[in-house]
Amino acid sequence: MGYYTKIIASHFRIPASQHSAICSHLLSTGFLGDTDRMSGSQYGPDGRTTDWWYAWVDMIALARHLRSGDLRAVLDDFGFDVFTNGNDDIIGIAFDKKSGDEEELLKRMAPMLPDSTFINWQGEDGAIYRWTFPSGKLHTSFGSIVYFEDRTQ
């Protein structure tokens, strides 16, 4: 089971000069070890949790990417397709797959994102929602598509 989502529109821009700072911010906030926020876990023979990770994320690669300041690879680790320009500025993202812990990553990144950042999502059931980042916090709004009859014909 799982829930498939896709980005249907976004404004997601991060200059290359900010990539290392965002990775450092993630490391300094305990992102690699926040087991309260991680959804993946493995249980040992005694039934106790032996390991935690973010859903679908290779934690060894994530740690390496965070420590090297490679924000593009960090986003890729969470399943985002990342688009850059010739200066390595991130100029867009895409996502179309089973959801995992993308929200946890973006919640942690929120204080470092411009207020103009938004991501519009559509779930497999047709649900439409938007993530915005006012004042450094991730905010979720739910929406709908409304059709109006053309009465000019």
Protein backbone atom coordinates (compact mmCIF):
# COMPACT_ATOMS: atom_id res chain seq x y z
CA MET A 1 0.00 0.00 0.00
CA GLY A 2 0.97 3.59 -0.32
CA TYR A 3 -0.22 6.91 -1.56
CA TYR A 4 0.96 8.21 -4.90
CA THR A 5 1.36 11.95 -5.37
CA LYS A 6 2.65 14.27 -8.01
CA ILE A 7 3.62 17.90 -8.20
CA ILE A 8 1.28 19.71 -10.58
CA ALA A 9 2.82 23.20 -10.19
CA SER A 10 5.54 24.79 -8.10
CA HIS A 11 7.80 27.73 -7.56
CA PHE A 12 10.94 26.25 -6.03
CA ARG A 13 14.16 28.22 -6.49
CA ILE A 14 17.36 27.89 -4.49
CA PRO A 15 20.58 29.57 -5.61
CA ALA A 16 23.69 27.38 -5.63
CA SER A 17 25.22 29.70 -3.04
CA GLN A 18 22.60 28.46 -0.51
CA HIS A 19 22.96 24.69 -1.05
CA SER A 20 25.69 24.13 1.56
CA ALA A 21 23.98 26.38 4.10
CA ILE A 22 20.73 24.44 3.79
CA CYS A 23 22.56 21.12 4.17
CA SER A 24 24.38 22.49 7.24
CA HIS A 25 21.05 23.65 8.65
CA LEU A 26 19.58 20.16 8.19
CA LEU A 27 22.56 18.60 9.95
CA SER A 28 22.50 21.13 12.81
CA THR A 29 18.81 20.46 13.50
CA GLY A 30 19.35 16.73 13.95
CA PHE A 31 17.66 15.74 10.70
CA LEU A 32 19.73 12.55 10.36
CA GLY A 33 18.72 11.22 13.76
CA ASP A 34 15.17 12.47 14.36
CA THR A 35 13.57 9.07 14.89
CA ASP A 36 10.29 10.71 15.96
CA ARG A 37 9.90 11.94 12.37
CA MET A 38 11.21 8.92 10.47
CA SER A 39 8.61 6.50 9.18
CA GLY A 40 10.78 3.54 8.22
CA SER A 41 11.96 1.10 10.84
CA GLN A 42 13.29 -2.40 11.19
CA TYR A 43 12.62 -4.74 14.08
CA GLY A 44 15.02 -7.24 15.55
CA PRO A 45 14.15 -10.74 16.82
CA ASP A 46 13.23 -9.32 20.23
CA GLY A 47 10.63 -7.00 18.63
CA ARG A 48 12.62 -3.86 19.39
CA THR A 49 13.43 -1.29 16.77
CA THR A 50 16.99 -1.68 15.59
CA ASP A 51 17.15 0.96 12.89
CA TRP A 52 15.23 4.03 11.67
CA TRP A 53 15.20 5.77 8.33
CA TYR A 54 13.18 8.07 6.14
CA ALA A 55 10.85 6.15 3.82
CA TRP A 56 12.57 5.08 0.58
CA VAL A 57 15.79 6.95 1.51
CA ASP A 58 19.28 5.42 1.54
CA MET A 59 20.47 6.93 4.84
CA ILE A 60 24.16 6.37 4.10
CA ALA A 61 23.87 8.31 0.83
CA LEU A 62 21.77 11.00 2.54
CA ALA A 63 24.43 11.51 5.24
CA ARG A 64 27.15 11.74 2.59
CA HIS A 65 25.15 14.25 0.54
CA LEU A 66 24.32 16.42 3.55
CA ARG A 67 27.93 16.49 4.74
CA SER A 68 29.19 17.41 1.26
CA GLY A 69 26.57 20.18 0.87
CA ASP A 70 24.99 18.54 -2.19
CA LEU A 71 21.40 19.76 -1.86
CA ARG A 72 20.44 18.52 -5.31
CA ALA A 73 21.41 14.98 -4.27
CA VAL A 74 19.54 15.36 -0.94
CA LEU A 75 16.35 16.25 -2.80
CA ASP A 76 16.99 13.36 -5.17
CA ASP A 77 17.42 11.03 -2.16
CA PHE A 78 13.81 11.87 -1.24
CA GLY A 79 12.53 11.16 -4.75
CA PHE A 80 12.43 14.64 -6.24
CA ASP A 81 13.58 15.27 -9.79
CA VAL A 82 15.66 18.43 -9.57
CA PHE A 83 16.18 20.93 -12.38
CA THR A 84 19.13 23.31 -12.39
CA ASN A 85 20.50 26.01 -14.65
CA GLY A 86 24.09 26.44 -15.82
CA ASN A 87 25.07 27.96 -12.48
CA ASP A 88 23.77 24.92 -10.55
CA ASP A 89 20.91 27.01 -9.09
CA ILE A 90 17.87 24.84 -8.42
CA ILE A 91 15.15 26.25 -10.66
CA GLY A 92 12.46 23.60 -10.23
CA ILE A 93 11.46 20.21 -8.87
CA ALA A 94 9.15 17.42 -9.93
CA PHE A 95 7.71 14.41 -8.13
CA ASP A 96 5.42 11.65 -9.39
CA LYS A 97 5.60 8.50 -7.28
CA LYS A 98 4.71 6.86 -3.99
CA SER A 99 5.01 9.39 -1.20
CA GLY A 100 7.38 8.93 1.71
CA ASP A 101 8.94 11.51 4.01
CA GLU A 102 9.17 14.45 1.59
CA GLU A 103 7.15 16.58 4.00
CA GLU A 104 9.67 16.01 6.80
CA LEU A 105 12.52 17.17 4.58
CA LEU A 106 10.68 20.30 3.48
CA LYS A 107 9.49 21.11 7.02
CA ARG A 108 13.12 21.10 8.10
CA MET A 109 14.17 23.16 5.07
CA ALA A 110 11.33 25.68 5.54
CA PRO A 111 13.29 28.29 7.54
CA MET A 112 15.78 28.47 4.67
CA LEU A 113 13.22 28.76 1.83
CA PRO A 114 11.94 32.04 0.39
CA ASP A 115 8.36 32.94 1.33
CA SER A 116 7.49 32.82 -2.39
CA THR A 117 8.11 29.06 -2.50
CA PHE A 118 5.09 26.84 -3.13
CA ILE A 119 4.39 23.29 -4.24
CA ASN A 120 0.98 22.20 -5.57
CA TRP A 121 0.31 18.48 -5.21
CA GLN A 122 -2.31 16.08 -6.49
CA GLY A 123 -2.88 12.74 -4.83
CA GLU A 124 -3.93 9.50 -6.48
CA ASP A 125 -7.47 10.07 -5.23
CA GLY A 126 -7.66 13.49 -6.89
CA ALA A 127 -7.04 15.44 -3.69
CA ILE A 128 -5.33 18.76 -4.37
CA TYR A 129 -3.23 20.54 -1.79
CA ARG A 130 -0.54 23.20 -1.64
CA TRP A 131 2.52 23.60 0.54
CA THR A 132 3.67 27.16 1.18
CA PHE A 133 6.47 28.35 3.43
CA PRO A 134 5.48 31.64 5.08
CA SER A 135 7.74 32.80 7.89
CA GLY A 136 9.89 29.67 7.68
CA LYS A 137 7.14 27.11 8.34
CA LEU A 138 5.49 24.61 6.04
CA HIS A 139 1.78 25.36 5.70
CA THR A 140 -0.74 23.06 3.98
CA SER A 141 -3.84 24.35 2.19
CA PHE A 142 -6.42 22.14 0.51
CA GLY A 143 -8.08 23.06 -2.76
CA SER A 144 -10.45 21.95 -5.44
CA ILE A 145 -10.96 22.45 -9.13
CA VAL A 146 -14.07 24.40 -10.02
CA TYR A 147 -15.51 24.49 -13.53
CA PHE A 148 -17.69 27.36 -14.72
CA GLU A 149 -20.10 27.08 -17.58
CA ASP A 150 -19.31 29.33 -20.52
CA ARG A 151 -22.50 31.35 -20.92
CA THR A 152 -21.16 33.45 -23.78
CA GLN A 153 -21.93 30.80 -26.42
